[in-house]
């Protein structure tokens, strides 16, 4: 009987938390970027997997949206992944948000990669016209075991700053 209890305990111990093994999500550049888009996307009322979201990022990572300030100058806001969750998490769930990658340009040197990832944003999966487009500049590191997002620096498209054609296709 003691052996049976020990076996059940050990199996339970090893099985515990396996649902949270996200290693496949960061094993390639492509899986990491796809996971980034999928984890922030969801219908109105759909909770996001913030544990997986945070798993994508290096401990010192930043998310950096850019845009015009009240004074009309261009500025940047620097956030940690936790800051992003606090600022945007509730809005994403309350409004519905689907971000779809429509183009990707990649440059790699050694273990660092820069991805210009062009996106379209929709409120619902069924929407045919995006309410917003832009470019995510994603910097990543491959430490030899996995990919880490170091920074995401993004800007929305505007009428006076349309996305250049070179970023609307995949390389």
N, C-alpha and C. Protein backbone atom coordinates (compact mmCIF):
# COMPACT_ATOMS: atom_id res chain seq x y z
N UNK A 1 0.82 -1.20 0.00
CA UNK A 1 0.00 0.00 0.00
C UNK A 1 0.87 1.26 0.00
N UNK A 2 1.96 1.25 0.77
CA UNK A 2 2.85 2.41 0.81
C UNK A 2 3.43 2.69 -0.57
N UNK A 3 3.76 1.61 -1.30
CA UNK A 3 4.31 1.79 -2.65
C UNK A 3 3.29 2.43 -3.58
N UNK A 4 2.03 2.02 -3.47
CA UNK A 4 0.98 2.58 -4.30
C UNK A 4 0.81 4.07 -4.00
N UNK A 5 0.80 4.45 -2.74
CA UNK A 5 0.69 5.85 -2.35
C UNK A 5 1.88 6.64 -2.89
N UNK A 6 3.09 6.07 -2.78
CA UNK A 6 4.28 6.73 -3.28
C UNK A 6 4.21 6.92 -4.78
N UNK A 7 3.76 5.90 -5.52
CA UNK A 7 3.64 6.00 -6.97
C UNK A 7 2.63 7.08 -7.36
N UNK A 8 1.48 7.09 -6.70
CA UNK A 8 0.46 8.11 -6.99
C UNK A 8 1.02 9.50 -6.69
N UNK A 9 1.75 9.65 -5.60
CA UNK A 9 2.35 10.94 -5.24
C UNK A 9 3.36 11.39 -6.28
N UNK A 10 4.25 10.50 -6.68
CA UNK A 10 5.29 10.85 -7.66
C UNK A 10 4.68 11.18 -9.01
N UNK A 11 3.72 10.37 -9.47
CA UNK A 11 3.06 10.65 -10.75
C UNK A 11 2.34 11.99 -10.68
N UNK A 12 1.67 12.24 -9.59
CA UNK A 12 0.99 13.52 -9.41
C UNK A 12 1.96 14.68 -9.38
N UNK A 13 3.11 14.48 -8.75
CA UNK A 13 4.12 15.53 -8.67
C UNK A 13 4.67 15.87 -10.04
N UNK A 14 5.00 14.84 -10.82
CA UNK A 14 5.53 15.10 -12.16
C UNK A 14 4.46 15.62 -13.10
N UNK A 15 3.23 15.23 -12.90
CA UNK A 15 2.14 15.68 -13.75
C UNK A 15 1.69 17.09 -13.42
N UNK A 16 1.96 17.54 -12.22
CA UNK A 16 1.52 18.86 -11.78
C UNK A 16 2.22 19.94 -12.60
N UNK A 17 1.43 20.83 -13.14
CA UNK A 17 1.99 21.96 -13.87
C UNK A 17 2.34 21.67 -15.32
N UNK A 18 2.15 20.44 -15.79
CA UNK A 18 2.49 20.14 -17.17
C UNK A 18 1.59 20.88 -18.15
N UNK A 19 0.41 21.26 -17.71
CA UNK A 19 -0.46 22.06 -18.57
C UNK A 19 0.18 23.40 -18.87
N UNK A 20 1.13 23.82 -18.07
CA UNK A 20 1.78 25.12 -18.23
C UNK A 20 3.16 25.01 -18.85
N UNK A 21 3.43 23.92 -19.55
CA UNK A 21 4.70 23.78 -20.25
C UNK A 21 4.58 24.51 -21.58
N UNK A 22 5.13 25.71 -21.62
CA UNK A 22 5.02 26.55 -22.80
C UNK A 22 6.25 26.47 -23.70
N UNK A 23 7.14 25.52 -23.45
CA UNK A 23 8.41 25.48 -24.17
C UNK A 23 8.23 25.40 -25.69
N UNK A 24 7.22 24.71 -26.16
CA UNK A 24 6.99 24.61 -27.62
C UNK A 24 6.61 25.96 -28.21
N UNK A 25 6.06 26.83 -27.39
CA UNK A 25 5.61 28.15 -27.86
C UNK A 25 6.78 29.08 -28.17
N UNK A 26 7.98 28.76 -27.67
CA UNK A 26 9.15 29.64 -27.86
C UNK A 26 10.33 28.89 -28.47
N UNK A 27 10.08 27.75 -29.10
CA UNK A 27 11.18 26.97 -29.64
C UNK A 27 11.67 27.48 -30.99
N UNK A 28 10.85 28.27 -31.69
CA UNK A 28 11.27 28.86 -32.95
C UNK A 28 10.85 30.33 -32.98
N UNK A 29 11.46 31.06 -33.87
CA UNK A 29 11.08 32.46 -34.04
C UNK A 29 9.61 32.54 -34.44
N UNK A 30 9.20 31.72 -35.38
CA UNK A 30 7.83 31.73 -35.87
C UNK A 30 6.83 31.40 -34.76
N UNK A 31 7.11 30.36 -33.97
CA UNK A 31 6.17 29.99 -32.90
C UNK A 31 6.07 31.09 -31.84
N UNK A 32 7.17 31.78 -31.59
CA UNK A 32 7.17 32.85 -30.60
C UNK A 32 6.31 34.03 -31.06
N UNK A 33 6.48 34.45 -32.31
CA UNK A 33 5.69 35.57 -32.84
C UNK A 33 4.22 35.18 -32.95
N UNK A 34 3.94 33.97 -33.43
CA UNK A 34 2.55 33.52 -33.53
C UNK A 34 1.90 33.47 -32.15
N UNK A 35 2.64 33.02 -31.14
CA UNK A 35 2.09 32.96 -29.79
C UNK A 35 1.80 34.36 -29.26
N UNK A 36 2.70 35.30 -29.53
CA UNK A 36 2.47 36.68 -29.12
C UNK A 36 1.14 37.19 -29.64
N UNK A 37 0.89 37.03 -30.93
CA UNK A 37 -0.36 37.50 -31.51
C UNK A 37 -1.57 36.74 -30.95
N UNK A 38 -1.44 35.44 -30.79
CA UNK A 38 -2.60 34.67 -30.33
C UNK A 38 -2.95 34.95 -28.88
N UNK A 39 -1.95 35.23 -28.05
CA UNK A 39 -2.23 35.38 -26.61
C UNK A 39 -2.91 36.72 -26.29
N UNK A 40 -2.71 37.74 -27.12
CA UNK A 40 -3.40 39.01 -26.85
C UNK A 40 -4.75 39.08 -27.56
N UNK A 41 -5.00 38.15 -28.47
CA UNK A 41 -6.23 38.16 -29.26
C UNK A 41 -7.32 37.34 -28.58
N UNK A 42 -8.54 37.83 -28.75
CA UNK A 42 -9.69 37.10 -28.21
C UNK A 42 -10.96 37.91 -28.38
N UNK A 43 -12.07 37.21 -28.33
CA UNK A 43 -13.36 37.87 -28.44
C UNK A 43 -13.69 38.66 -27.18
N UNK A 44 -14.69 39.51 -27.30
CA UNK A 44 -15.19 40.27 -26.15
C UNK A 44 -15.58 39.29 -25.05
N UNK A 45 -15.11 39.53 -23.84
CA UNK A 45 -15.42 38.67 -22.70
C UNK A 45 -14.49 37.49 -22.52
N UNK A 46 -13.58 37.28 -23.46
CA UNK A 46 -12.66 36.14 -23.40
C UNK A 46 -11.39 36.52 -22.64
N UNK A 47 -11.13 35.79 -21.56
CA UNK A 47 -9.93 36.03 -20.76
C UNK A 47 -8.68 35.69 -21.56
N UNK A 48 -7.60 36.41 -21.30
CA UNK A 48 -6.32 36.15 -21.95
C UNK A 48 -5.44 35.33 -21.00
N UNK A 49 -4.52 34.59 -21.58
CA UNK A 49 -3.58 33.79 -20.79
C UNK A 49 -2.36 34.65 -20.48
N UNK A 50 -2.45 35.42 -19.41
CA UNK A 50 -1.37 36.35 -19.07
C UNK A 50 -0.13 35.62 -18.59
N UNK A 51 -0.28 34.42 -18.06
CA UNK A 51 0.89 33.63 -17.67
C UNK A 51 1.72 33.31 -18.92
N UNK A 52 1.08 32.87 -19.98
CA UNK A 52 1.77 32.59 -21.24
C UNK A 52 2.35 33.87 -21.82
N UNK A 53 1.60 34.95 -21.78
CA UNK A 53 2.09 36.25 -22.27
C UNK A 53 3.41 36.60 -21.60
N UNK A 54 3.46 36.53 -20.28
CA UNK A 54 4.67 36.90 -19.55
C UNK A 54 5.81 35.92 -19.84
N UNK A 55 5.49 34.67 -20.12
CA UNK A 55 6.50 33.65 -20.41
C UNK A 55 7.30 33.99 -21.68
N UNK A 56 6.69 34.73 -22.60
CA UNK A 56 7.35 35.08 -23.85
C UNK A 56 8.50 36.08 -23.67
N UNK A 57 8.46 36.85 -22.59
CA UNK A 57 9.34 38.00 -22.43
C UNK A 57 10.53 37.73 -21.50
N UNK A 58 11.66 38.30 -21.89
CA UNK A 58 12.85 38.33 -21.03
C UNK A 58 12.50 39.13 -19.78
N UNK A 59 13.17 38.88 -18.68
CA UNK A 59 12.84 39.55 -17.42
C UNK A 59 12.99 41.06 -17.48
N UNK A 60 13.80 41.58 -18.39
CA UNK A 60 14.00 43.02 -18.52
C UNK A 60 13.30 43.61 -19.74
N UNK A 61 12.38 42.87 -20.33
CA UNK A 61 11.72 43.29 -21.57
C UNK A 61 10.86 44.54 -21.38
N UNK A 62 10.69 45.23 -22.48
CA UNK A 62 9.84 46.42 -22.51
C UNK A 62 8.86 46.33 -23.67
N UNK A 63 7.68 46.89 -23.48
CA UNK A 63 6.70 47.10 -24.53
C UNK A 63 6.59 48.60 -24.69
N UNK A 64 6.75 49.09 -25.93
CA UNK A 64 6.93 50.53 -26.14
C UNK A 64 6.00 51.03 -27.26
N UNK A 65 4.81 51.48 -26.91
CA UNK A 65 3.96 52.10 -27.93
C UNK A 65 4.43 53.53 -28.20
N UNK A 66 4.25 53.96 -29.45
CA UNK A 66 4.60 55.32 -29.82
C UNK A 66 3.36 56.01 -30.38
N UNK A 67 3.40 57.30 -30.36
CA UNK A 67 2.30 58.07 -30.93
C UNK A 67 2.49 59.53 -30.59
N UNK A 68 1.54 60.32 -31.04
CA UNK A 68 1.61 61.77 -30.80
C UNK A 68 1.16 62.08 -29.38
N UNK A 69 1.87 63.01 -28.77
CA UNK A 69 1.51 63.50 -27.45
C UNK A 69 0.44 64.59 -27.61
N UNK A 70 -0.08 65.07 -26.50
CA UNK A 70 -1.05 66.16 -26.53
C UNK A 70 -0.48 67.40 -27.21
N UNK A 71 0.84 67.56 -27.11
CA UNK A 71 1.51 68.71 -27.72
C UNK A 71 1.78 68.51 -29.21
N UNK A 72 1.44 67.34 -29.75
CA UNK A 72 1.65 67.07 -31.16
C UNK A 72 3.03 66.52 -31.49
N UNK A 73 3.82 66.24 -30.46
CA UNK A 73 5.14 65.65 -30.68
C UNK A 73 5.01 64.13 -30.65
N UNK A 74 5.99 63.46 -31.21
CA UNK A 74 5.98 61.99 -31.16
C UNK A 74 6.71 61.55 -29.90
N UNK A 75 6.10 60.63 -29.18
CA UNK A 75 6.69 60.16 -27.92
C UNK A 75 6.56 58.66 -27.79
N UNK A 76 7.12 58.13 -26.73
CA UNK A 76 7.08 56.70 -26.46
C UNK A 76 6.75 56.49 -24.98
N UNK A 77 6.05 55.39 -24.72
CA UNK A 77 5.74 54.98 -23.36
C UNK A 77 6.41 53.64 -23.13
N UNK A 78 7.12 53.50 -22.02
CA UNK A 78 7.87 52.27 -21.72
C UNK A 78 7.13 51.49 -20.64
N UNK A 79 6.81 50.23 -20.97
CA UNK A 79 6.07 49.38 -20.04
C UNK A 79 6.75 48.03 -19.89
N UNK A 80 6.60 47.44 -18.73
CA UNK A 80 6.97 46.05 -18.53
C UNK A 80 5.78 45.20 -19.00
N UNK A 81 5.95 43.90 -19.17
CA UNK A 81 4.78 43.07 -19.48
C UNK A 81 3.67 43.22 -18.44
N UNK A 82 4.01 43.32 -17.17
CA UNK A 82 2.98 43.52 -16.13
C UNK A 82 2.28 44.86 -16.30
N UNK A 83 3.03 45.91 -16.65
CA UNK A 83 2.41 47.21 -16.90
C UNK A 83 1.41 47.12 -18.04
N UNK A 84 1.80 46.41 -19.11
CA UNK A 84 0.92 46.25 -20.26
C UNK A 84 -0.37 45.56 -19.84
N UNK A 85 -0.26 44.50 -19.07
CA UNK A 85 -1.43 43.77 -18.60
C UNK A 85 -2.34 44.69 -17.80
N UNK A 86 -1.75 45.50 -16.92
CA UNK A 86 -2.54 46.42 -16.10
C UNK A 86 -3.22 47.49 -16.96
N UNK A 87 -2.53 47.98 -17.98
CA UNK A 87 -3.07 49.07 -18.80
C UNK A 87 -4.04 48.59 -19.86
N UNK A 88 -3.75 47.45 -20.49
CA UNK A 88 -4.53 47.03 -21.64
C UNK A 88 -5.40 45.79 -21.40
N UNK A 89 -5.07 45.01 -20.39
CA UNK A 89 -5.74 43.73 -20.19
C UNK A 89 -7.25 43.82 -20.10
N UNK A 90 -7.75 44.71 -19.28
CA UNK A 90 -9.19 44.86 -19.09
C UNK A 90 -9.85 45.34 -20.39
N UNK A 91 -9.21 46.29 -21.06
CA UNK A 91 -9.76 46.82 -22.31
C UNK A 91 -9.88 45.73 -23.37
N UNK A 92 -8.85 44.89 -23.49
CA UNK A 92 -8.87 43.82 -24.49
C UNK A 92 -10.06 42.90 -24.28
N UNK A 93 -10.34 42.55 -23.03
CA UNK A 93 -11.44 41.65 -22.71
C UNK A 93 -12.79 42.36 -22.90
N UNK A 94 -12.88 43.60 -22.47
CA UNK A 94 -14.16 44.32 -22.56
C UNK A 94 -14.56 44.67 -23.99
N UNK A 95 -13.58 44.83 -24.87
CA UNK A 95 -13.88 45.29 -26.23
C UNK A 95 -13.71 44.23 -27.30
N UNK A 96 -13.00 43.17 -27.00
CA UNK A 96 -12.65 42.22 -28.04
C UNK A 96 -11.52 42.79 -28.87
N UNK A 97 -10.56 41.94 -29.18
CA UNK A 97 -9.39 42.42 -29.92
C UNK A 97 -8.71 41.23 -30.57
N UNK A 98 -8.53 41.32 -31.87
CA UNK A 98 -7.80 40.30 -32.62
C UNK A 98 -6.74 41.02 -33.44
N UNK A 99 -5.50 40.68 -33.20
CA UNK A 99 -4.40 41.27 -33.97
C UNK A 99 -3.85 40.18 -34.87
N UNK A 100 -3.80 40.46 -36.16
CA UNK A 100 -3.40 39.50 -37.18
C UNK A 100 -2.16 40.01 -37.88
N UNK A 101 -1.14 39.18 -37.97
CA UNK A 101 0.07 39.55 -38.71
C UNK A 101 -0.20 39.42 -40.20
N UNK A 102 0.10 40.49 -40.96
CA UNK A 102 -0.12 40.46 -42.41
C UNK A 102 1.18 40.58 -43.20
N UNK A 103 2.28 40.82 -42.53
CA UNK A 103 3.57 40.91 -43.20
C UNK A 103 4.69 40.80 -42.18
N UNK A 104 5.81 40.25 -42.63
CA UNK A 104 6.95 40.09 -41.71
C UNK A 104 8.25 40.26 -42.47
N UNK A 105 9.12 41.12 -41.96
CA UNK A 105 10.47 41.29 -42.47
C UNK A 105 11.42 40.98 -41.31
N UNK A 106 12.35 40.07 -41.54
CA UNK A 106 13.22 39.56 -40.48
C UNK A 106 14.68 39.81 -40.82
N UNK A 107 15.43 40.27 -39.82
CA UNK A 107 16.89 40.39 -39.92
C UNK A 107 17.50 39.72 -38.70
N UNK A 108 18.49 38.86 -38.95
CA UNK A 108 19.13 38.13 -37.86
C UNK A 108 20.63 38.26 -37.97
N UNK A 109 21.27 38.44 -36.83
CA UNK A 109 22.71 38.40 -36.72
C UNK A 109 23.03 37.62 -35.45
N UNK A 110 23.71 36.48 -35.62
CA UNK A 110 24.03 35.66 -34.46
C UNK A 110 22.78 35.24 -33.72
N UNK A 111 22.69 35.63 -32.47
CA UNK A 111 21.56 35.22 -31.62
C UNK A 111 20.50 36.30 -31.47
N UNK A 112 20.65 37.41 -32.21
CA UNK A 112 19.65 38.47 -32.11
C UNK A 112 18.87 38.57 -33.42
N UNK A 113 17.60 38.89 -33.27
CA UNK A 113 16.73 39.04 -34.43
C UNK A 113 15.84 40.25 -34.25
N UNK A 114 15.66 40.95 -35.35
CA UNK A 114 14.74 42.10 -35.43
C UNK A 114 13.65 41.72 -36.40
N UNK A 115 12.40 41.78 -35.96
CA UNK A 115 11.25 41.47 -36.81
C UNK A 115 10.40 42.72 -36.95
N UNK A 116 10.18 43.16 -38.18
CA UNK A 116 9.16 44.17 -38.45
C UNK A 116 7.92 43.38 -38.83
N UNK A 117 6.94 43.36 -37.92
CA UNK A 117 5.73 42.57 -38.09
C UNK A 117 4.54 43.51 -38.28
N UNK A 118 4.01 43.52 -39.50
CA UNK A 118 2.89 44.39 -39.82
C UNK A 118 1.60 43.70 -39.38
N UNK A 119 0.71 44.47 -38.77
CA UNK A 119 -0.51 43.89 -38.22
C UNK A 119 -1.75 44.66 -38.62
N UNK A 120 -2.87 43.95 -38.56
CA UNK A 120 -4.20 44.54 -38.64
C UNK A 120 -4.94 44.14 -37.38
N UNK A 121 -5.76 45.06 -36.87
CA UNK A 121 -6.51 44.80 -35.63
C UNK A 121 -8.01 44.84 -35.90
N UNK A 122 -8.71 43.86 -35.31
CA UNK A 122 -10.15 43.71 -35.45
C UNK A 122 -10.77 43.56 -34.07
N UNK A 123 -12.01 43.94 -33.93
CA UNK A 123 -12.74 43.74 -32.66
C UNK A 123 -13.25 42.29 -32.56
N UNK A 124 -13.69 41.75 -33.71
CA UNK A 124 -14.25 40.39 -33.76
C UNK A 124 -13.58 39.62 -34.89
N UNK A 125 -13.56 38.30 -34.76
CA UNK A 125 -12.99 37.46 -35.82
C UNK A 125 -13.73 37.64 -37.13
N UNK A 126 -15.01 37.94 -37.05
CA UNK A 126 -15.84 38.05 -38.26
C UNK A 126 -15.71 39.40 -38.96
N UNK A 127 -15.07 40.38 -38.35
CA UNK A 127 -14.90 41.69 -38.99
C UNK A 127 -14.10 41.55 -40.28
N UNK A 128 -14.50 42.32 -41.29
CA UNK A 128 -13.79 42.26 -42.57
C UNK A 128 -12.85 43.44 -42.76
N UNK A 129 -13.06 44.51 -42.04
CA UNK A 129 -12.21 45.70 -42.13
C UNK A 129 -11.53 45.95 -40.80
N UNK A 130 -10.21 46.11 -40.79
CA UNK A 130 -9.53 46.40 -39.52
C UNK A 130 -9.85 47.80 -39.03
N UNK A 131 -9.87 47.98 -37.72
CA UNK A 131 -10.05 49.32 -37.18
C UNK A 131 -8.71 50.02 -36.98
N UNK A 132 -7.62 49.24 -37.16
CA UNK A 132 -6.29 49.80 -36.95
C UNK A 132 -5.28 48.89 -37.65
N UNK A 133 -4.20 49.51 -38.12
CA UNK A 133 -3.05 48.76 -38.65
C UNK A 133 -1.79 49.43 -38.11
N UNK A 134 -0.69 48.71 -38.16
CA UNK A 134 0.57 49.28 -37.71
C UNK A 134 1.70 48.29 -37.87
N UNK A 135 2.83 48.65 -37.29
CA UNK A 135 4.01 47.79 -37.33
C UNK A 135 4.53 47.59 -35.91
N UNK A 136 4.74 46.31 -35.56
CA UNK A 136 5.43 45.93 -34.33
C UNK A 136 6.89 45.69 -34.69
N UNK A 137 7.77 46.41 -34.08
CA UNK A 137 9.20 46.15 -34.20
C UNK A 137 9.57 45.28 -33.00
N UNK A 138 9.82 44.00 -33.26
CA UNK A 138 10.03 43.03 -32.18
C UNK A 138 11.50 42.62 -32.18
N UNK A 139 12.17 42.84 -31.07
CA UNK A 139 13.55 42.40 -30.90
C UNK A 139 13.55 41.14 -30.05
N UNK A 140 14.27 40.13 -30.53
CA UNK A 140 14.29 38.83 -29.84
C UNK A 140 15.72 38.35 -29.66
N UNK A 141 15.88 37.49 -28.67
CA UNK A 141 17.15 36.85 -28.36
C UNK A 141 16.93 35.35 -28.32
N UNK A 142 17.82 34.61 -28.98
CA UNK A 142 17.83 33.16 -28.82
C UNK A 142 19.03 32.83 -27.95
N UNK A 143 18.76 32.32 -26.74
CA UNK A 143 19.84 32.03 -25.79
C UNK A 143 20.43 30.64 -25.98
N UNK A 144 20.05 29.96 -27.06
CA UNK A 144 20.52 28.61 -27.31
C UNK A 144 19.52 27.57 -26.87
N UNK A 145 18.54 27.98 -26.07
CA UNK A 145 17.51 27.06 -25.59
C UNK A 145 16.12 27.46 -26.07
N UNK A 146 15.90 28.77 -26.18
CA UNK A 146 14.58 29.29 -26.54
C UNK A 146 14.70 30.72 -27.04
N UNK A 147 13.60 31.23 -27.58
CA UNK A 147 13.50 32.62 -27.99
C UNK A 147 12.89 33.44 -26.87
N UNK A 148 13.43 34.64 -26.67
CA UNK A 148 12.92 35.59 -25.69
C UNK A 148 12.57 36.88 -26.42
N UNK A 149 11.41 37.45 -26.13
CA UNK A 149 11.12 38.79 -26.62
C UNK A 149 11.83 39.77 -25.69
N UNK A 150 12.66 40.61 -26.27
CA UNK A 150 13.40 41.62 -25.52
C UNK A 150 12.62 42.93 -25.48
N UNK A 151 12.08 43.33 -26.64
CA UNK A 151 11.28 44.55 -26.74
C UNK A 151 10.26 44.40 -27.85
N UNK A 152 9.14 45.08 -27.66
CA UNK A 152 8.20 45.32 -28.76
C UNK A 152 7.99 46.83 -28.80
N UNK A 153 8.31 47.40 -29.93
CA UNK A 153 8.24 48.85 -30.14
C UNK A 153 7.29 49.05 -31.32
N UNK A 154 6.14 49.71 -31.11
CA UNK A 154 5.16 49.74 -32.18
C UNK A 154 4.59 51.12 -32.43
N UNK A 155 4.09 51.25 -33.68
CA UNK A 155 3.46 52.49 -34.11
C UNK A 155 2.27 52.14 -34.99
N UNK A 156 1.17 52.84 -34.78
CA UNK A 156 -0.01 52.66 -35.60
C UNK A 156 0.13 53.44 -36.90
N UNK A 157 -0.52 52.93 -37.92
CA UNK A 157 -0.59 53.63 -39.19
C UNK A 157 -1.54 54.82 -39.04
N UNK A 158 -1.22 55.91 -39.71
CA UNK A 158 -2.10 57.08 -39.75
C UNK A 158 -2.26 57.52 -41.20
N UNK A 159 -3.20 58.43 -41.44
CA UNK A 159 -3.41 58.92 -42.80
C UNK A 159 -2.14 59.58 -43.34
N UNK A 160 -1.43 60.30 -42.48
CA UNK A 160 -0.21 60.96 -42.95
C UNK A 160 1.04 60.10 -42.81
N UNK A 161 0.88 58.87 -42.32
CA UNK A 161 2.00 57.94 -42.20
C UNK A 161 1.51 56.51 -42.52
N UNK A 162 1.21 56.27 -43.83
CA UNK A 162 0.74 54.93 -44.20
C UNK A 162 1.89 53.91 -44.16
N UNK A 163 1.53 52.65 -44.03
CA UNK A 163 2.53 51.59 -44.01
C UNK A 163 3.13 51.44 -45.40
N UNK A 164 4.46 51.51 -45.52
CA UNK A 164 5.10 51.32 -46.83
C UNK A 164 4.83 49.91 -47.38
N UNK A 165 4.72 49.80 -48.69
CA UNK A 165 4.42 48.52 -49.34
C UNK A 165 5.40 47.43 -48.98
N UNK A 166 6.67 47.79 -48.75
CA UNK A 166 7.67 46.77 -48.43
C UNK A 166 7.37 46.03 -47.13
N UNK A 167 6.53 46.60 -46.27
CA UNK A 167 6.19 45.95 -45.00
C UNK A 167 4.84 45.25 -45.04
N UNK A 168 4.21 45.23 -46.21
CA UNK A 168 2.93 44.57 -46.35
C UNK A 168 3.06 43.16 -46.92
N UNK A 169 4.28 42.71 -47.06
CA UNK A 169 4.52 41.34 -47.56
C UNK A 169 5.53 40.63 -46.66
N UNK A 170 5.56 39.34 -46.77
CA UNK A 170 6.53 38.55 -46.01
C UNK A 170 7.82 38.42 -46.80
N UNK A 171 8.93 38.40 -46.08
CA UNK A 171 10.23 38.18 -46.71
C UNK A 171 10.51 36.71 -46.80
